[in-house]
Amino acid sequence: MGTLLKEQLTRTHRSGRVVLTLWLNPQHFGRWPTTEKPIICTSLLAFCLITIRLRPDRFVTKEIISTALRIAKGDKDKLILGKMQIERDWGWAPDYVETMWLMLQQDIPDDYIIATGQTHSLEEFVDTVFSLVDLDWREHVITDADLYRPLDLSVSKANPGKAWQKLGWQANHTMQDVVELMLRSL
């Protein structure tokens, strides 16, 4: 699956793999009832939305931030991660909720991809976190090949152009902003 998605995903992206199709095209499950009954249905594909309180530490972004803070306090020495070259479009969940509200205000329901439109590697994310706590990540992060997930997407790019165009929505928070918000909250 990770090797299939090198291009930026759009809402018309099609895949030959069932699992990927279910993941990429959830709007098809919301669309078929509208052909039978007058149901207003809209769907979205939200890319890597980050929240503070709803994610346990096992999610990589929260684990990175929690561990970096513990290293800065002297309570821990190392952070062990898998593949640092993965790329994601990390966005702030409250920004995405705003988009959901805007979608529901439309006269005609439609399907949208919600994302920042910017991808960053896990290494960039780690570098940002450790820089903000005045540490050099290279001194504290170990990569472990046993943690690599071979079926994980290498690159996850999204094209939120339709949301920008039709809803007038754009993400208010960059990856750096998201990291700063998470650091302040923990």
N, C-alpha and C. Protein backbone atom coordinates (compact mmCIF):
# COMPACT_ATOMS: atom_id res chain seq x y z
N MET A 1 0.82 -1.19 0.00
CA MET A 1 0.00 0.00 0.00
C MET A 1 0.87 1.25 0.00
N GLY A 2 1.97 1.24 0.76
CA GLY A 2 2.82 2.41 0.85
C GLY A 2 3.46 2.79 -0.46
N THR A 3 3.68 1.85 -1.33
CA THR A 3 4.32 2.16 -2.60
C THR A 3 3.33 2.66 -3.64
N LEU A 4 2.04 2.53 -3.39
CA LEU A 4 1.04 2.94 -4.37
C LEU A 4 0.79 4.44 -4.39
N LEU A 5 1.04 5.12 -3.30
CA LEU A 5 0.60 6.50 -3.19
C LEU A 5 1.75 7.48 -3.20
N LYS A 6 2.30 7.73 -4.37
CA LYS A 6 3.37 8.70 -4.50
C LYS A 6 2.81 10.07 -4.86
N GLU A 7 1.63 10.08 -5.51
CA GLU A 7 1.05 11.34 -5.94
C GLU A 7 0.11 11.88 -4.86
N GLN A 8 -0.25 13.13 -5.03
CA GLN A 8 -1.17 13.75 -4.09
C GLN A 8 -2.57 13.20 -4.31
N LEU A 9 -3.23 12.85 -3.24
CA LEU A 9 -4.57 12.28 -3.35
C LEU A 9 -5.61 13.37 -3.57
N THR A 10 -6.53 13.08 -4.45
CA THR A 10 -7.67 13.96 -4.68
C THR A 10 -8.92 13.14 -4.43
N ARG A 11 -10.07 13.79 -4.41
CA ARG A 11 -11.30 13.06 -4.10
C ARG A 11 -11.72 12.13 -5.22
N THR A 12 -11.11 12.22 -6.40
CA THR A 12 -11.45 11.33 -7.50
C THR A 12 -10.44 10.19 -7.64
N HIS A 13 -9.50 10.10 -6.71
CA HIS A 13 -8.48 9.04 -6.75
C HIS A 13 -9.15 7.68 -6.72
N ARG A 14 -8.69 6.79 -7.57
CA ARG A 14 -9.23 5.43 -7.62
C ARG A 14 -8.12 4.43 -7.36
N SER A 15 -8.48 3.37 -6.71
CA SER A 15 -7.50 2.34 -6.39
C SER A 15 -8.06 0.98 -6.75
N GLY A 16 -7.18 0.08 -7.15
CA GLY A 16 -7.58 -1.28 -7.45
C GLY A 16 -7.63 -2.17 -6.23
N ARG A 17 -7.11 -1.71 -5.13
CA ARG A 17 -7.07 -2.54 -3.93
C ARG A 17 -8.27 -2.23 -3.05
N VAL A 18 -8.93 -3.26 -2.59
CA VAL A 18 -10.16 -3.09 -1.81
C VAL A 18 -9.91 -2.30 -0.54
N VAL A 19 -8.89 -2.66 0.22
CA VAL A 19 -8.62 -1.97 1.48
C VAL A 19 -8.37 -0.50 1.22
N LEU A 20 -7.58 -0.20 0.21
CA LEU A 20 -7.26 1.18 -0.10
C LEU A 20 -8.50 1.90 -0.61
N THR A 21 -9.33 1.23 -1.37
CA THR A 21 -10.54 1.85 -1.87
C THR A 21 -11.47 2.22 -0.71
N LEU A 22 -11.61 1.33 0.25
CA LEU A 22 -12.44 1.64 1.41
C LEU A 22 -11.89 2.83 2.16
N TRP A 23 -10.58 2.92 2.25
CA TRP A 23 -9.95 4.00 3.00
C TRP A 23 -10.02 5.31 2.23
N LEU A 24 -9.77 5.26 0.92
CA LEU A 24 -9.73 6.48 0.13
C LEU A 24 -11.10 7.00 -0.27
N ASN A 25 -12.07 6.12 -0.38
CA ASN A 25 -13.35 6.51 -0.94
C ASN A 25 -14.52 6.27 0.01
N PRO A 26 -14.45 6.75 1.25
CA PRO A 26 -15.56 6.52 2.17
C PRO A 26 -16.84 7.19 1.69
N GLN A 27 -16.70 8.20 0.84
CA GLN A 27 -17.90 8.89 0.37
C GLN A 27 -18.83 7.98 -0.41
N HIS A 28 -18.31 6.89 -0.99
CA HIS A 28 -19.18 5.97 -1.72
C HIS A 28 -20.20 5.31 -0.79
N PHE A 29 -19.85 5.11 0.45
CA PHE A 29 -20.77 4.49 1.40
C PHE A 29 -21.85 5.47 1.82
N GLY A 30 -21.55 6.75 1.79
CA GLY A 30 -22.55 7.75 2.11
C GLY A 30 -23.37 8.16 0.90
N ARG A 31 -22.87 7.89 -0.29
CA ARG A 31 -23.53 8.37 -1.50
C ARG A 31 -24.66 7.44 -1.96
N TRP A 32 -24.50 6.12 -1.85
CA TRP A 32 -25.52 5.26 -2.45
C TRP A 32 -26.91 5.44 -1.86
N PRO A 33 -27.07 5.70 -0.54
CA PRO A 33 -28.44 5.89 -0.05
C PRO A 33 -29.14 7.09 -0.67
N THR A 34 -28.39 8.09 -1.11
CA THR A 34 -29.02 9.28 -1.68
C THR A 34 -29.68 8.98 -3.01
N THR A 35 -29.31 7.87 -3.66
CA THR A 35 -29.96 7.51 -4.92
C THR A 35 -31.30 6.83 -4.67
N GLU A 36 -31.53 6.33 -3.48
CA GLU A 36 -32.76 5.62 -3.15
C GLU A 36 -33.75 6.48 -2.37
N LYS A 37 -33.25 7.33 -1.50
CA LYS A 37 -34.10 8.14 -0.63
C LYS A 37 -33.54 9.56 -0.60
N PRO A 38 -34.35 10.51 -0.26
CA PRO A 38 -33.86 11.90 -0.21
C PRO A 38 -33.07 12.18 1.08
N ILE A 39 -31.89 11.60 1.16
CA ILE A 39 -31.02 11.82 2.32
C ILE A 39 -29.92 12.79 1.92
N ILE A 40 -29.71 13.80 2.73
CA ILE A 40 -28.60 14.71 2.47
C ILE A 40 -27.36 14.09 3.10
N CYS A 41 -26.36 13.88 2.29
CA CYS A 41 -25.17 13.18 2.77
C CYS A 41 -23.92 13.85 2.22
N THR A 42 -22.98 14.07 3.09
CA THR A 42 -21.69 14.62 2.68
C THR A 42 -20.62 13.79 3.37
N SER A 43 -19.43 13.78 2.82
CA SER A 43 -18.36 13.02 3.46
C SER A 43 -17.05 13.77 3.32
N LEU A 44 -16.13 13.39 4.19
CA LEU A 44 -14.82 14.00 4.11
C LEU A 44 -13.76 12.95 4.37
N LEU A 45 -12.59 13.21 3.86
CA LEU A 45 -11.43 12.40 4.14
C LEU A 45 -10.45 13.34 4.82
N ALA A 46 -10.29 13.18 6.12
CA ALA A 46 -9.42 14.07 6.90
C ALA A 46 -8.05 13.42 7.05
N PHE A 47 -7.02 14.16 6.73
CA PHE A 47 -5.66 13.64 6.78
C PHE A 47 -4.98 13.97 8.10
N CYS A 48 -4.51 12.95 8.78
CA CYS A 48 -3.66 13.06 9.97
C CYS A 48 -4.04 14.21 10.88
N LEU A 49 -5.26 14.21 11.35
CA LEU A 49 -5.65 15.26 12.27
C LEU A 49 -5.11 14.94 13.65
N ILE A 50 -4.56 15.94 14.28
CA ILE A 50 -3.93 15.77 15.58
C ILE A 50 -4.76 16.47 16.64
N THR A 51 -5.04 15.74 17.71
CA THR A 51 -5.69 16.30 18.88
C THR A 51 -4.78 16.06 20.07
N ILE A 52 -5.05 16.73 21.15
CA ILE A 52 -4.20 16.57 22.32
C ILE A 52 -4.75 15.51 23.25
N ARG A 53 -5.98 15.65 23.65
CA ARG A 53 -6.53 14.81 24.71
C ARG A 53 -7.09 13.48 24.23
N LEU A 54 -7.44 13.37 22.98
CA LEU A 54 -8.10 12.16 22.51
C LEU A 54 -7.13 11.07 22.06
N ARG A 55 -5.86 11.38 21.96
CA ARG A 55 -4.88 10.40 21.49
C ARG A 55 -4.06 9.86 22.65
N PRO A 56 -3.96 8.54 22.75
CA PRO A 56 -3.07 7.98 23.77
C PRO A 56 -1.61 8.15 23.35
N ASP A 57 -0.71 7.94 24.28
CA ASP A 57 0.72 8.12 24.01
C ASP A 57 1.25 7.20 22.93
N ARG A 58 0.56 6.12 22.62
CA ARG A 58 1.06 5.20 21.61
C ARG A 58 0.99 5.78 20.20
N PHE A 59 0.25 6.86 19.99
CA PHE A 59 0.25 7.54 18.70
C PHE A 59 1.57 8.30 18.58
N VAL A 60 2.21 8.18 17.43
CA VAL A 60 3.59 8.62 17.30
C VAL A 60 3.79 10.10 17.62
N THR A 61 2.89 10.97 17.21
CA THR A 61 3.09 12.39 17.47
C THR A 61 3.08 12.69 18.97
N LYS A 62 2.13 12.10 19.67
CA LYS A 62 2.07 12.33 21.12
C LYS A 62 3.23 11.65 21.83
N GLU A 63 3.63 10.47 21.36
CA GLU A 63 4.78 9.78 21.95
C GLU A 63 6.05 10.61 21.79
N ILE A 64 6.25 11.20 20.62
CA ILE A 64 7.43 12.03 20.38
C ILE A 64 7.45 13.21 21.33
N ILE A 65 6.33 13.88 21.45
CA ILE A 65 6.27 15.07 22.31
C ILE A 65 6.42 14.70 23.78
N SER A 66 5.71 13.69 24.23
CA SER A 66 5.81 13.26 25.64
C SER A 66 7.24 12.84 25.99
N THR A 67 7.85 12.06 25.11
CA THR A 67 9.20 11.58 25.38
C THR A 67 10.21 12.72 25.32
N ALA A 68 10.08 13.63 24.38
CA ALA A 68 11.00 14.77 24.31
C ALA A 68 10.92 15.61 25.58
N LEU A 69 9.72 15.81 26.10
CA LEU A 69 9.57 16.56 27.36
C LEU A 69 10.23 15.82 28.52
N ARG A 70 10.07 14.49 28.56
CA ARG A 70 10.70 13.71 29.63
C ARG A 70 12.22 13.72 29.49
N ILE A 71 12.73 13.69 28.28
CA ILE A 71 14.18 13.78 28.07
C ILE A 71 14.69 15.14 28.53
N ALA A 72 13.96 16.20 28.20
CA ALA A 72 14.36 17.56 28.60
C ALA A 72 14.38 17.71 30.12
N LYS A 73 13.49 16.99 30.83
CA LYS A 73 13.46 17.04 32.30
C LYS A 73 14.50 16.11 32.92
N GLY A 74 15.11 15.25 32.11
CA GLY A 74 16.08 14.30 32.63
C GLY A 74 15.47 12.99 33.09
N ASP A 75 14.18 12.79 32.81
CA ASP A 75 13.50 11.57 33.24
C ASP A 75 13.67 10.40 32.27
N LYS A 76 14.16 10.69 31.09
CA LYS A 76 14.35 9.66 30.07
C LYS A 76 15.54 10.05 29.22
N ASP A 77 16.15 9.06 28.56
CA ASP A 77 17.35 9.34 27.78
C ASP A 77 17.13 9.24 26.27
N LYS A 78 16.32 8.28 25.83
CA LYS A 78 16.19 8.00 24.40
C LYS A 78 14.73 7.85 23.97
N LEU A 79 14.51 8.13 22.70
CA LEU A 79 13.24 7.89 22.03
C LEU A 79 13.53 6.92 20.90
N ILE A 80 12.77 5.83 20.84
CA ILE A 80 12.98 4.83 19.80
C ILE A 80 11.82 4.92 18.81
N LEU A 81 12.17 5.12 17.55
CA LEU A 81 11.17 5.25 16.49
C LEU A 81 11.47 4.31 15.34
N GLY A 82 10.49 4.13 14.47
CA GLY A 82 10.68 3.35 13.26
C GLY A 82 11.19 4.23 12.14
N LYS A 83 10.60 4.10 10.99
CA LYS A 83 11.05 4.79 9.78
C LYS A 83 10.83 6.30 9.88
N MET A 84 11.90 7.05 9.79
CA MET A 84 11.83 8.51 9.93
C MET A 84 11.53 9.22 8.61
N GLN A 85 11.56 8.48 7.51
CA GLN A 85 11.38 9.11 6.19
C GLN A 85 9.92 9.17 5.76
N ILE A 86 9.00 8.63 6.55
CA ILE A 86 7.59 8.72 6.15
C ILE A 86 7.19 10.19 6.11
N GLU A 87 6.25 10.51 5.26
CA GLU A 87 5.77 11.89 5.14
C GLU A 87 4.26 11.91 5.34
N ARG A 88 3.82 12.89 6.13
CA ARG A 88 2.40 13.03 6.44
C ARG A 88 1.98 14.49 6.31
N ASP A 89 0.69 14.67 6.15
CA ASP A 89 0.07 15.98 6.15
C ASP A 89 -0.59 16.13 7.52
N TRP A 90 0.17 16.67 8.49
CA TRP A 90 -0.33 16.79 9.86
C TRP A 90 -1.12 18.08 10.02
N GLY A 91 -2.36 17.96 10.49
CA GLY A 91 -3.20 19.12 10.70
C GLY A 91 -3.81 19.11 12.09
N TRP A 92 -4.36 20.23 12.46
CA TRP A 92 -4.92 20.45 13.79
C TRP A 92 -6.41 20.12 13.77
N ALA A 93 -6.86 19.21 14.61
CA ALA A 93 -8.24 18.73 14.61
C ALA A 93 -9.27 19.86 14.71
N PRO A 94 -9.10 20.88 15.58
CA PRO A 94 -10.10 21.95 15.61
C PRO A 94 -10.25 22.68 14.27
N ASP A 95 -9.17 22.78 13.49
CA ASP A 95 -9.30 23.36 12.14
C ASP A 95 -10.22 22.49 11.29
N TYR A 96 -10.08 21.18 11.43
CA TYR A 96 -10.86 20.26 10.62
C TYR A 96 -12.33 20.27 11.04
N VAL A 97 -12.59 20.46 12.33
CA VAL A 97 -13.97 20.54 12.81
C VAL A 97 -14.65 21.77 12.21
N GLU A 98 -13.92 22.86 12.09
CA GLU A 98 -14.46 24.05 11.44
C GLU A 98 -14.90 23.72 10.01
N THR A 99 -14.11 22.93 9.32
CA THR A 99 -14.45 22.54 7.96
C THR A 99 -15.71 21.68 7.93
N MET A 100 -15.83 20.80 8.90
CA MET A 100 -17.04 19.96 8.97
C MET A 100 -18.28 20.84 9.09
N TRP A 101 -18.19 21.86 9.93
CA TRP A 101 -19.31 22.79 10.09
C TRP A 101 -19.60 23.50 8.77
N LEU A 102 -18.56 23.96 8.09
CA LEU A 102 -18.75 24.65 6.81
C LEU A 102 -19.40 23.72 5.77
N MET A 103 -19.02 22.46 5.79
CA MET A 103 -19.61 21.49 4.86
C MET A 103 -21.12 21.39 5.08
N LEU A 104 -21.52 21.41 6.34
CA LEU A 104 -22.94 21.27 6.67
C LEU A 104 -23.75 22.53 6.36
N GLN A 105 -23.08 23.64 6.11
CA GLN A 105 -23.77 24.89 5.79
C GLN A 105 -24.07 25.02 4.30
N GLN A 106 -23.56 24.11 3.49
CA GLN A 106 -23.72 24.20 2.04
C GLN A 106 -25.13 23.79 1.62
N ASP A 107 -25.65 24.45 0.59
CA ASP A 107 -26.97 24.11 0.06
C ASP A 107 -26.97 22.74 -0.62
N ILE A 108 -25.86 22.42 -1.26
CA ILE A 108 -25.74 21.14 -1.96
C ILE A 108 -24.64 20.33 -1.30
N PRO A 109 -24.96 19.14 -0.77
CA PRO A 109 -23.93 18.34 -0.11
C PRO A 109 -22.88 17.87 -1.11
N ASP A 110 -21.67 17.76 -0.63
CA ASP A 110 -20.57 17.33 -1.50
C ASP A 110 -19.51 16.65 -0.65
N ASP A 111 -18.52 16.09 -1.30
CA ASP A 111 -17.45 15.37 -0.63
C ASP A 111 -16.16 16.19 -0.71
N TYR A 112 -15.39 16.15 0.38
CA TYR A 112 -14.19 16.98 0.47
C TYR A 112 -13.02 16.21 1.06
N ILE A 113 -11.84 16.62 0.68
CA ILE A 113 -10.62 16.18 1.34
C ILE A 113 -10.18 17.34 2.22
N ILE A 114 -9.94 17.04 3.49
CA ILE A 114 -9.55 18.07 4.45
C ILE A 114 -8.12 17.80 4.88
N ALA A 115 -7.26 18.76 4.62
CA ALA A 115 -5.84 18.62 4.93
C ALA A 115 -5.19 20.00 4.86
N THR A 116 -3.94 20.07 5.25
CA THR A 116 -3.22 21.33 5.14
C THR A 116 -2.68 21.54 3.74
N GLY A 117 -2.47 20.44 3.01
CA GLY A 117 -1.86 20.53 1.69
C GLY A 117 -0.35 20.53 1.74
N GLN A 118 0.22 20.39 2.94
CA GLN A 118 1.68 20.37 3.11
C GLN A 118 2.08 19.07 3.79
N THR A 119 3.10 18.43 3.25
CA THR A 119 3.59 17.21 3.89
C THR A 119 4.94 17.48 4.55
N HIS A 120 5.17 16.76 5.63
CA HIS A 120 6.43 16.86 6.37
C HIS A 120 6.85 15.45 6.77
N SER A 121 8.14 15.22 6.75
CA SER A 121 8.64 13.90 7.16
C SER A 121 8.56 13.77 8.68
N LEU A 122 8.59 12.54 9.13
CA LEU A 122 8.63 12.30 10.57
C LEU A 122 9.90 12.92 11.15
N GLU A 123 10.97 12.89 10.39
CA GLU A 123 12.22 13.51 10.85
C GLU A 123 12.03 15.01 11.07
N GLU A 124 11.32 15.69 10.17
CA GLU A 124 11.03 17.11 10.35
C GLU A 124 10.20 17.34 11.61
N PHE A 125 9.22 16.49 11.82
CA PHE A 125 8.37 16.60 13.01
C PHE A 125 9.23 16.47 14.27
N VAL A 126 10.06 15.43 14.30
CA VAL A 126 10.95 15.19 15.45
C VAL A 126 11.90 16.36 15.65
N ASP A 127 12.49 16.85 14.58
CA ASP A 127 13.41 17.99 14.67
C ASP A 127 12.71 19.21 15.25
N THR A 128 11.48 19.46 14.82
CA THR A 128 10.72 20.60 15.34
C THR A 128 10.47 20.46 16.83
N VAL A 129 10.03 19.29 17.25
CA VAL A 129 9.74 19.04 18.67
C VAL A 129 10.99 19.24 19.51
N PHE A 130 12.07 18.57 19.14
CA PHE A 130 13.29 18.64 19.94
C PHE A 130 13.90 20.04 19.93
N SER A 131 13.81 20.74 18.82
CA SER A 131 14.31 22.13 18.77
C SER A 131 13.56 23.02 19.75
N LEU A 132 12.25 22.81 19.85
CA LEU A 132 11.44 23.64 20.74
C LEU A 132 11.69 23.35 22.22
N VAL A 133 12.30 22.21 22.54
CA VAL A 133 12.67 21.93 23.93
C VAL A 133 14.20 22.02 24.10
N ASP A 134 14.83 22.71 23.14
CA ASP A 134 16.28 22.98 23.19
C ASP A 134 17.14 21.72 23.26
N LEU A 135 16.79 20.74 22.45
CA LEU A 135 17.59 19.51 22.37
C LEU A 135 17.89 19.19 20.91
N ASP A 136 19.02 18.50 20.70
CA ASP A 136 19.36 18.00 19.37
C ASP A 136 18.81 16.58 19.28
N TRP A 137 17.85 16.37 18.42
CA TRP A 137 17.19 15.07 18.34
C TRP A 137 18.16 13.95 18.01
N ARG A 138 19.22 14.26 17.26
CA ARG A 138 20.18 13.22 16.85
C ARG A 138 20.89 12.58 18.05
N GLU A 139 20.92 13.29 19.16
CA GLU A 139 21.55 12.75 20.37
C GLU A 139 20.60 11.87 21.18
N HIS A 140 19.33 11.90 20.86
CA HIS A 140 18.34 11.22 21.71
C HIS A 140 17.42 10.25 20.98
N VAL A 141 17.44 10.24 19.66
CA VAL A 141 16.51 9.40 18.91
C VAL A 141 17.25 8.23 18.26
N ILE A 142 16.71 7.06 18.46
CA ILE A 142 17.25 5.84 17.86
C ILE A 142 16.18 5.29 16.92
N THR A 143 16.60 4.90 15.72
CA THR A 143 15.65 4.25 14.82
C THR A 143 15.85 2.74 14.91
N ASP A 144 14.75 2.04 14.91
CA ASP A 144 14.77 0.59 15.05
C ASP A 144 14.00 -0.02 13.87
N ALA A 145 14.71 -0.77 13.04
CA ALA A 145 14.08 -1.38 11.85
C ALA A 145 12.95 -2.32 12.23
N ASP A 146 12.97 -2.87 13.43
CA ASP A 146 11.88 -3.75 13.86
C ASP A 146 10.56 -2.99 14.02
N LEU A 147 10.64 -1.69 14.13
CA LEU A 147 9.43 -0.87 14.26
C LEU A 147 8.89 -0.39 12.91
N TYR A 148 9.61 -0.67 11.83
CA TYR A 148 9.13 -0.29 10.50
C TYR A 148 7.84 -1.06 10.21
N ARG A 149 6.90 -0.39 9.59
CA ARG A 149 5.64 -1.03 9.22
C ARG A 149 5.60 -1.12 7.69
N PRO A 150 5.87 -2.29 7.14
CA PRO A 150 6.00 -2.41 5.69
C PRO A 150 4.76 -2.02 4.90
N LEU A 151 3.59 -2.13 5.47
CA LEU A 151 2.37 -1.76 4.76
C LEU A 151 1.97 -0.31 4.98
N ASP A 152 2.73 0.41 5.77
CA ASP A 152 2.43 1.81 6.04
C ASP A 152 2.71 2.64 4.79
N LEU A 153 1.94 3.66 4.58
CA LEU A 153 2.18 4.57 3.47
C LEU A 153 3.51 5.29 3.67
N SER A 154 4.32 5.36 2.64
CA SER A 154 5.57 6.11 2.73
C SER A 154 5.29 7.60 2.69
N VAL A 155 4.40 7.99 1.80
CA VAL A 155 4.06 9.40 1.64
C VAL A 155 2.54 9.52 1.62
N SER A 156 2.02 10.44 2.40
CA SER A 156 0.59 10.69 2.44
C SER A 156 0.37 12.17 2.12
N LYS A 157 0.05 12.43 0.85
CA LYS A 157 -0.18 13.81 0.40
C LYS A 157 -1.67 13.98 0.10
N ALA A 158 -2.17 15.15 0.35
CA ALA A 158 -3.58 15.41 0.10
C ALA A 158 -3.76 16.73 -0.63
N ASN A 159 -4.80 16.80 -1.42
CA ASN A 159 -5.11 18.02 -2.14
C ASN A 159 -6.45 18.57 -1.63
N PRO A 160 -6.40 19.55 -0.72
CA PRO A 160 -7.63 20.11 -0.17
C PRO A 160 -8.18 21.27 -1.01
N GLY A 161 -7.77 21.35 -2.27
CA GLY A 161 -8.15 22.47 -3.12
C GLY A 161 -9.64 22.73 -3.22
N LYS A 162 -10.42 21.67 -3.26
CA LYS A 162 -11.87 21.85 -3.35
C LYS A 162 -12.42 22.53 -2.10
N ALA A 163 -11.92 22.15 -0.94
CA ALA A 163 -12.37 22.79 0.31
C ALA A 163 -11.96 24.26 0.33
N TRP A 164 -10.77 24.54 -0.17
CA TRP A 164 -10.32 25.93 -0.24
C TRP A 164 -11.24 26.72 -1.17
N GLN A 165 -11.53 26.12 -2.33
CA GLN A 165 -12.30 26.81 -3.35
C GLN A 165 -13.78 26.96 -2.99
N LYS A 166 -14.43 25.85 -2.60
CA LYS A 166 -15.87 25.89 -2.38
C LYS A 166 -16.29 26.34 -0.99
N LEU A 167 -15.46 26.06 0.01
CA LEU A 167 -15.82 26.40 1.39
C LEU A 167 -15.10 27.64 1.88
N GLY A 168 -14.09 28.07 1.14
CA GLY A 168 -13.27 29.19 1.60
C GLY A 168 -12.44 28.82 2.82
N TRP A 169 -12.18 27.54 2.98
CA TRP A 169 -11.46 27.05 4.16
C TRP A 169 -10.01 26.78 3.85
N GLN A 170 -9.17 27.13 4.79
CA GLN A 170 -7.76 26.80 4.73
C GLN A 170 -7.31 26.52 6.16
N ALA A 171 -6.42 25.56 6.31
CA ALA A 171 -5.92 25.23 7.66
C ALA A 171 -5.27 26.46 8.28
N ASN A 172 -5.60 26.72 9.54
CA ASN A 172 -5.04 27.87 10.25
C ASN A 172 -3.72 27.54 10.93
N HIS A 173 -3.43 26.26 11.09
CA HIS A 173 -2.24 25.87 11.85
C HIS A 173 -1.27 25.06 10.99
N THR A 174 -0.02 25.44 11.04
CA THR A 174 1.04 24.68 10.36
C THR A 174 1.48 23.54 11.27
N MET A 175 2.35 22.69 10.75
CA MET A 175 2.88 21.61 11.59
C MET A 175 3.59 22.20 12.81
N GLN A 176 4.36 23.27 12.61
CA GLN A 176 5.06 23.92 13.72
C GLN A 176 4.06 24.40 14.77
N ASP A 177 2.97 25.01 14.34
CA ASP A 177 1.93 25.47 15.26
C ASP A 177 1.35 24.30 16.06
N VAL A 178 1.09 23.19 15.37
CA VAL A 178 0.53 22.01 16.02
C VAL A 178 1.48 21.50 17.10
N VAL A 179 2.76 21.43 16.77
CA VAL A 179 3.76 20.98 17.74
C VAL A 179 3.78 21.91 18.95
N GLU A 180 3.78 23.21 18.72
CA GLU A 180 3.79 24.17 19.83
C GLU A 180 2.55 24.02 20.71
N LEU A 181 1.39 23.85 20.10
CA LEU A 181 0.16 23.66 20.87
C LEU A 181 0.23 22.39 21.71
N MET A 182 0.74 21.33 21.13
CA MET A 182 0.85 20.07 21.87
C MET A 182 1.85 20.19 23.02
N LEU A 183 2.97 20.85 22.77
CA LEU A 183 3.97 21.02 23.83
C LEU A 183 3.40 21.82 25.00
N ARG A 184 2.63 22.86 24.70
CA ARG A 184 2.05 23.69 25.77
C ARG A 184 1.00 22.94 26.57
N SER A 185 0.36 21.97 25.93
CA SER A 185 -0.74 21.28 26.60
C SER A 185 -0.30 20.14 27.51
N LEU A 186 0.92 19.66 27.33
CA LEU A 186 1.36 18.51 28.13
C LEU A 186 2.21 18.92 29.32
